[in-house]
PDB file of all heavy atoms in Angstrom:
ATOM      1  N   ALA A   1     219.151   6.954 154.922  1.00  0.00           N
ATOM      2  CA  ALA A   1     219.194   8.355 155.406  1.00  0.00           C
ATOM      3  C   ALA A   1     220.628   8.785 155.536  1.00  0.00           C
ATOM      4  O   ALA A   1     221.555   7.977 155.844  1.00  0.00           O
ATOM      5  CB  ALA A   1     218.499   8.449 156.787  1.00  0.00           C
ATOM      6  N   PRO A   2     220.895  10.035 155.234  1.00  0.00           N
ATOM      7  CA  PRO A   2     222.270  10.509 155.335  1.00  0.00           C
ATOM      8  C   PRO A   2     222.744  10.406 156.784  1.00  0.00           C
ATOM      9  O   PRO A   2     221.967  10.510 157.785  1.00  0.00           O
ATOM     10  CB  PRO A   2     222.252  11.992 154.875  1.00  0.00           C
ATOM     11  CG  PRO A   2     220.824  12.349 154.896  1.00  0.00           C
ATOM     12  CD  PRO A   2     220.015  11.105 154.824  1.00  0.00           C
ATOM     13  N   GLU A   3     224.063  10.177 156.945  1.00  0.00           N
ATOM     14  CA  GLU A   3     224.644  10.007 158.282  1.00  0.00           C
ATOM     15  C   GLU A   3     224.474  11.227 159.166  1.00  0.00           C
ATOM     16  O   GLU A   3     224.242  11.174 160.301  1.00  0.00           O
ATOM     17  CB  GLU A   3     226.114   9.601 158.176  1.00  0.00           C
ATOM     18  CG  GLU A   3     226.325   8.257 157.579  1.00  0.00           C
ATOM     19  CD  GLU A   3     227.777   7.926 157.423  1.00  0.00           C
ATOM     20  OE1 GLU A   3     228.636   8.589 158.016  1.00  0.00           O
ATOM     21  OE2 GLU A   3     228.102   6.991 156.713  1.00  0.00           O
ATOM     22  N   ARG A   4     224.632  12.405 158.542  1.00  0.00           N
ATOM     23  CA  ARG A   4     224.414  13.661 159.253  1.00  0.00           C
ATOM     24  C   ARG A   4     223.525  14.555 158.406  1.00  0.00           C
ATOM     25  O   ARG A   4     223.600  14.466 157.189  1.00  0.00           O
ATOM     26  CB  ARG A   4     225.738  14.315 159.636  1.00  0.00           C
ATOM     27  CG  ARG A   4     226.549  14.678 158.417  1.00  0.00           C
ATOM     28  CD  ARG A   4     227.912  15.156 158.835  1.00  0.00           C
ATOM     29  NE  ARG A   4     228.689  15.309 157.624  1.00  0.00           N
ATOM     30  CZ  ARG A   4     229.195  16.450 157.166  1.00  0.00           C
ATOM     31  NH1 ARG A   4     228.919  17.569 157.818  1.00  0.00           N
ATOM     32  NH2 ARG A   4     229.916  16.472 156.073  1.00  0.00           N
ATOM     33  N   PRO A   5     222.712  15.346 159.016  1.00  0.00           N
ATOM     34  CA  PRO A   5     221.816  16.156 158.256  1.00  0.00           C
ATOM     35  C   PRO A   5     222.596  17.167 157.385  1.00  0.00           C
ATOM     36  O   PRO A   5     223.674  17.650 157.822  1.00  0.00           O
ATOM     37  CB  PRO A   5     220.953  16.868 159.261  1.00  0.00           C
ATOM     38  CG  PRO A   5     221.613  16.660 160.623  1.00  0.00           C
ATOM     39  CD  PRO A   5     222.523  15.512 160.467  1.00  0.00           C
ATOM     40  N   ALA A   6     222.112  17.441 156.256  1.00  0.00           N
ATOM     41  CA  ALA A   6     222.688  18.458 155.412  1.00  0.00           C
ATOM     42  C   ALA A   6     222.536  19.837 155.977  1.00  0.00           C
ATOM     43  O   ALA A   6     221.538  20.110 156.640  1.00  0.00           O
ATOM     44  CB  ALA A   6     222.045  18.391 154.034  1.00  0.00           C
ATOM     45  N   PRO A   7     223.555  20.683 155.812  1.00  0.00           N
ATOM     46  CA  PRO A   7     223.492  21.999 156.405  1.00  0.00           C
ATOM     47  C   PRO A   7     222.284  22.782 155.732  1.00  0.00           C
ATOM     48  O   PRO A   7     221.995  22.636 154.574  1.00  0.00           O
ATOM     49  CB  PRO A   7     224.807  22.694 156.053  1.00  0.00           C
ATOM     50  CG  PRO A   7     225.352  21.844 154.960  1.00  0.00           C
ATOM     51  CD  PRO A   7     224.780  20.445 155.103  1.00  0.00           C
ATOM     52  N   VAL A   8     221.605  23.515 156.587  1.00  0.00           N
ATOM     53  CA  VAL A   8     220.441  24.311 156.138  1.00  0.00           C
ATOM     54  C   VAL A   8     220.895  25.689 155.864  1.00  0.00           C
ATOM     55  O   VAL A   8     221.602  26.325 156.728  1.00  0.00           O
ATOM     56  CB  VAL A   8     219.359  24.307 157.248  1.00  0.00           C
ATOM     57  CG1 VAL A   8     218.146  25.096 156.796  1.00  0.00           C
ATOM     58  CG2 VAL A   8     218.939  22.841 157.519  1.00  0.00           C
ATOM     59  N   ALA A   9     220.561  26.235 154.755  1.00  0.00           N
ATOM     60  CA  ALA A   9     220.931  27.604 154.392  1.00  0.00           C
ATOM     61  C   ALA A   9     220.150  28.565 155.261  1.00  0.00           C
ATOM     62  O   ALA A   9     218.990  28.338 155.563  1.00  0.00           O
ATOM     63  CB  ALA A   9     220.641  27.863 152.939  1.00  0.00           C
ATOM     64  N   PRO A  10     220.759  29.651 155.693  1.00  0.00           N
ATOM     65  CA  PRO A  10     220.044  30.600 156.550  1.00  0.00           C
ATOM     66  C   PRO A  10     218.977  31.300 155.709  1.00  0.00           C
ATOM     67  O   PRO A  10     219.122  31.444 154.503  1.00  0.00           O
ATOM     68  CB  PRO A  10     221.133  31.589 156.960  1.00  0.00           C
ATOM     69  CG  PRO A  10     222.221  31.460 155.978  1.00  0.00           C
ATOM     70  CD  PRO A  10     222.130  30.040 155.490  1.00  0.00           C
ATOM     71  N   PRO A  11     217.911  31.738 156.366  1.00  0.00           N
ATOM     72  CA  PRO A  11     216.861  32.391 155.614  1.00  0.00           C
ATOM     73  C   PRO A  11     217.382  33.723 155.047  1.00  0.00           C
ATOM     74  O   PRO A  11     218.243  34.328 155.638  1.00  0.00           O
ATOM     75  CB  PRO A  11     215.751  32.654 156.645  1.00  0.00           C
ATOM     76  CG  PRO A  11     216.457  32.569 157.981  1.00  0.00           C
ATOM     77  CD  PRO A  11     217.620  31.684 157.796  1.00  0.00           C
ATOM     78  N   PRO A  12     216.824  34.141 153.927  1.00  0.00           N
ATOM     79  CA  PRO A  12     217.332  35.390 153.330  1.00  0.00           C
ATOM     80  C   PRO A  12     217.009  36.569 154.268  1.00  0.00           C
ATOM     81  O   PRO A  12     216.032  36.639 154.951  1.00  0.00           O
ATOM     82  CB  PRO A  12     216.555  35.547 152.015  1.00  0.00           C
ATOM     83  CG  PRO A  12     215.374  34.576 152.160  1.00  0.00           C
ATOM     84  CD  PRO A  12     215.768  33.571 153.183  1.00  0.00           C
ATOM     85  N   ALA A  13     217.986  37.467 154.318  1.00  0.00           N
ATOM     86  CA  ALA A  13     217.861  38.639 155.165  1.00  0.00           C
ATOM     87  C   ALA A  13     216.754  39.614 154.605  1.00  0.00           C
ATOM     88  O   ALA A  13     216.613  39.723 153.384  1.00  0.00           O
ATOM     89  CB  ALA A  13     219.192  39.358 155.232  1.00  0.00           C
ATOM     90  N   GLU A  14     216.050  40.263 155.569  1.00  0.00           N
ATOM     91  CA  GLU A  14     215.047  41.221 155.162  1.00  0.00           C
ATOM     92  C   GLU A  14     215.803  42.457 154.570  1.00  0.00           C
ATOM     93  O   GLU A  14     216.775  42.895 155.105  1.00  0.00           O
ATOM     94  CB  GLU A  14     214.193  41.590 156.349  1.00  0.00           C
ATOM     95  CG  GLU A  14     213.332  40.484 156.850  1.00  0.00           C
ATOM     96  CD  GLU A  14     212.337  40.103 155.903  1.00  0.00           C
ATOM     97  OE1 GLU A  14     211.695  40.984 155.279  1.00  0.00           O
ATOM     98  OE2 GLU A  14     212.018  38.885 155.748  1.00  0.00           O
ATOM     99  N   PRO A  15     215.241  43.014 153.524  1.00  0.00           N
ATOM    100  CA  PRO A  15     215.876  44.214 152.949  1.00  0.00           C
ATOM    101  C   PRO A  15     215.740  45.369 153.939  1.00  0.00           C
ATOM    102  O   PRO A  15     214.764  45.524 154.610  1.00  0.00           O
ATOM    103  CB  PRO A  15     215.125  44.472 151.678  1.00  0.00           C
ATOM    104  CG  PRO A  15     213.867  43.698 151.752  1.00  0.00           C
ATOM    105  CD  PRO A  15     214.090  42.640 152.703  1.00  0.00           C
ATOM    106  N   THR A  16     216.793  46.170 153.969  1.00  0.00           N
ATOM    107  CA  THR A  16     216.792  47.351 154.836  1.00  0.00           C
ATOM    108  C   THR A  16     216.861  48.603 153.981  1.00  0.00           C
ATOM    109  O   THR A  16     217.141  48.528 152.785  1.00  0.00           O
ATOM    110  CB  THR A  16     217.995  47.359 155.794  1.00  0.00           C
ATOM    111  OG1 THR A  16     219.171  47.343 155.017  1.00  0.00           O
ATOM    112  CG2 THR A  16     217.955  46.141 156.713  1.00  0.00           C
ATOM    113  N   ALA A  17     216.546  49.741 154.598  1.00  0.00           N
ATOM    114  CA  ALA A  17     216.506  51.022 153.871  1.00  0.00           C
ATOM    115  C   ALA A  17     217.877  51.338 153.347  1.00  0.00           C
ATOM    116  O   ALA A  17     218.001  51.998 152.274  1.00  0.00           O
ATOM    117  CB  ALA A  17     215.932  52.114 154.746  1.00  0.00           C
ATOM    118  N   ASP A  18     218.909  50.976 154.022  1.00  0.00           N
ATOM    119  CA  ASP A  18     220.253  51.372 153.579  1.00  0.00           C
ATOM    120  C   ASP A  18     220.883  50.289 152.691  1.00  0.00           C
ATOM    121  O   ASP A  18     222.025  50.410 152.293  1.00  0.00           O
ATOM    122  CB  ASP A  18     221.173  51.624 154.790  1.00  0.00           C
ATOM    123  CG  ASP A  18     221.376  50.393 155.670  1.00  0.00           C
ATOM    124  OD1 ASP A  18     220.335  49.621 155.783  1.00  0.00           O
ATOM    125  OD2 ASP A  18     222.432  50.246 156.262  1.00  0.00           O
ATOM    126  N   ALA A  19     220.123  49.234 152.332  1.00  0.00           N
ATOM    127  CA  ALA A  19     220.604  48.244 151.412  1.00  0.00           C
ATOM    128  C   ALA A  19     220.788  48.875 150.013  1.00  0.00           C
ATOM    129  O   ALA A  19     220.097  49.823 149.674  1.00  0.00           O
ATOM    130  CB  ALA A  19     219.692  47.059 151.307  1.00  0.00           C
ATOM    131  N   GLY A  20     221.662  48.404 149.220  1.00  0.00           N
ATOM    132  CA  GLY A  20     221.928  48.913 147.897  1.00  0.00           C
ATOM    133  C   GLY A  20     220.700  48.829 147.004  1.00  0.00           C
ATOM    134  O   GLY A  20     219.663  48.295 147.402  1.00  0.00           O
ATOM    135  N   PRO A  21     220.789  49.380 145.850  1.00  0.00           N
ATOM    136  CA  PRO A  21     219.619  49.343 144.954  1.00  0.00           C
ATOM    137  C   PRO A  21     219.248  47.971 144.563  1.00  0.00           C
ATOM    138  O   PRO A  21     220.081  47.079 144.376  1.00  0.00           O
ATOM    139  CB  PRO A  21     220.086  50.173 143.755  1.00  0.00           C
ATOM    140  CG  PRO A  21     221.569  50.109 143.752  1.00  0.00           C
ATOM    141  CD  PRO A  21     221.947  50.001 145.231  1.00  0.00           C
ATOM    142  N   GLY A  22     217.980  47.736 144.453  1.00  0.00           N
ATOM    143  CA  GLY A  22     217.493  46.433 144.115  1.00  0.00           C
ATOM    144  C   GLY A  22     216.351  46.597 143.083  1.00  0.00           C
ATOM    145  O   GLY A  22     215.938  47.703 142.808  1.00  0.00           O
ATOM    146  N   PRO A  23     215.858  45.480 142.550  1.00  0.00           N
ATOM    147  CA  PRO A  23     214.861  45.634 141.486  1.00  0.00           C
ATOM    148  C   PRO A  23     213.565  46.210 141.983  1.00  0.00           C
ATOM    149  O   PRO A  23     212.846  46.897 141.226  1.00  0.00           O
ATOM    150  CB  PRO A  23     214.638  44.190 140.998  1.00  0.00           C
ATOM    151  CG  PRO A  23     215.104  43.340 142.177  1.00  0.00           C
ATOM    152  CD  PRO A  23     216.197  44.140 142.844  1.00  0.00           C
ATOM    153  N   PHE A  24     213.250  46.085 143.277  1.00  0.00           N
ATOM    154  CA  PHE A  24     211.988  46.601 143.795  1.00  0.00           C
ATOM    155  C   PHE A  24     212.153  48.038 144.260  1.00  0.00           C
ATOM    156  O   PHE A  24     211.176  48.711 144.401  1.00  0.00           O
ATOM    157  CB  PHE A  24     211.480  45.729 144.964  1.00  0.00           C
ATOM    158  CG  PHE A  24     211.277  44.310 144.532  1.00  0.00           C
ATOM    159  CD1 PHE A  24     212.090  43.292 145.003  1.00  0.00           C
ATOM    160  CD2 PHE A  24     210.229  44.017 143.649  1.00  0.00           C
ATOM    161  CE1 PHE A  24     211.873  41.997 144.582  1.00  0.00           C
ATOM    162  CE2 PHE A  24     210.019  42.715 143.264  1.00  0.00           C
ATOM    163  CZ  PHE A  24     210.848  41.689 143.740  1.00  0.00           C
ATOM    164  N   ARG A  25     213.330  48.549 144.377  1.00  0.00           N
ATOM    165  CA  ARG A  25     213.494  49.965 144.700  1.00  0.00           C
ATOM    166  C   ARG A  25     213.787  50.834 143.475  1.00  0.00           C
ATOM    167  O   ARG A  25     213.420  51.987 143.495  1.00  0.00           O
ATOM    168  CB  ARG A  25     214.682  50.068 145.708  1.00  0.00           C
ATOM    169  CG  ARG A  25     214.328  49.632 147.105  1.00  0.00           C
ATOM    170  CD  ARG A  25     215.393  49.994 148.080  1.00  0.00           C
ATOM    171  NE  ARG A  25     215.887  48.973 148.942  1.00  0.00           N
ATOM    172  CZ  ARG A  25     216.181  47.747 148.719  1.00  0.00           C
ATOM    173  NH1 ARG A  25     216.012  47.228 147.592  1.00  0.00           N
ATOM    174  NH2 ARG A  25     216.708  46.936 149.637  1.00  0.00           N
ATOM    175  N   THR A  26     214.418  50.341 142.500  1.00  0.00           N
ATOM    176  CA  THR A  26     214.749  51.152 141.314  1.00  0.00           C
ATOM    177  C   THR A  26     213.572  51.372 140.400  1.00  0.00           C
ATOM    178  O   THR A  26     213.479  52.382 139.758  1.00  0.00           O
ATOM    179  CB  THR A  26     215.900  50.530 140.564  1.00  0.00           C
ATOM    180  OG1 THR A  26     215.550  49.174 140.152  1.00  0.00           O
ATOM    181  CG2 THR A  26     217.178  50.484 141.321  1.00  0.00           C
ATOM    182  N   ALA A  27     212.625  50.429 140.319  1.00  0.00           N
ATOM    183  CA  ALA A  27     211.504  50.612 139.396  1.00  0.00           C
ATOM    184  C   ALA A  27     210.629  51.813 139.810  1.00  0.00           C
ATOM    185  O   ALA A  27     210.335  52.637 138.982  1.00  0.00           O
ATOM    186  CB  ALA A  27     210.648  49.290 139.351  1.00  0.00           C
ATOM    187  N   PRO A  28     210.229  51.965 141.107  1.00  0.00           N
ATOM    188  CA  PRO A  28     209.425  53.141 141.417  1.00  0.00           C
ATOM    189  C   PRO A  28     210.194  54.454 141.198  1.00  0.00           C
ATOM    190  O   PRO A  28     209.601  55.444 140.828  1.00  0.00           O
ATOM    191  CB  PRO A  28     209.102  52.968 142.879  1.00  0.00           C
ATOM    192  CG  PRO A  28     209.235  51.490 143.149  1.00  0.00           C
ATOM    193  CD  PRO A  28     210.280  51.039 142.203  1.00  0.00           C
ATOM    194  N   VAL A  29     211.492  54.449 141.484  1.00  0.00           N
ATOM    195  CA  VAL A  29     212.290  55.648 141.318  1.00  0.00           C
ATOM    196  C   VAL A  29     212.360  56.044 139.831  1.00  0.00           C
ATOM    197  O   VAL A  29     212.127  57.191 139.460  1.00  0.00           O
ATOM    198  CB  VAL A  29     213.709  55.479 141.892  1.00  0.00           C
ATOM    199  CG1 VAL A  29     214.580  56.607 141.521  1.00  0.00           C
ATOM    200  CG2 VAL A  29     213.656  55.277 143.381  1.00  0.00           C
ATOM    201  N   ALA A  30     212.561  55.056 138.999  1.00  0.00           N
ATOM    202  CA  ALA A  30     212.630  55.266 137.510  1.00  0.00           C
ATOM    203  C   ALA A  30     211.300  55.787 137.035  1.00  0.00           C
ATOM    204  O   ALA A  30     211.216  56.670 136.204  1.00  0.00           O
ATOM    205  CB  ALA A  30     213.048  53.976 136.810  1.00  0.00           C
ATOM    206  N   THR A  31     210.218  55.193 137.536  1.00  0.00           N
ATOM    207  CA  THR A  31     208.883  55.613 137.127  1.00  0.00           C
ATOM    208  C   THR A  31     208.622  57.052 137.549  1.00  0.00           C
ATOM    209  O   THR A  31     208.077  57.878 136.791  1.00  0.00           O
ATOM    210  CB  THR A  31     207.788  54.655 137.712  1.00  0.00           C
ATOM    211  OG1 THR A  31     208.075  53.353 137.327  1.00  0.00           O
ATOM    212  CG2 THR A  31     206.395  55.076 137.240  1.00  0.00           C
TER     213      THR A  31
END
């Protein structure tokens, strides 16, 4: 076993309304 536990990555942040454009927001707008 490793001597100390490996660092755990933080969970991904929930998208907010003021977040920049993303693939799930640009597709409905383009449509």
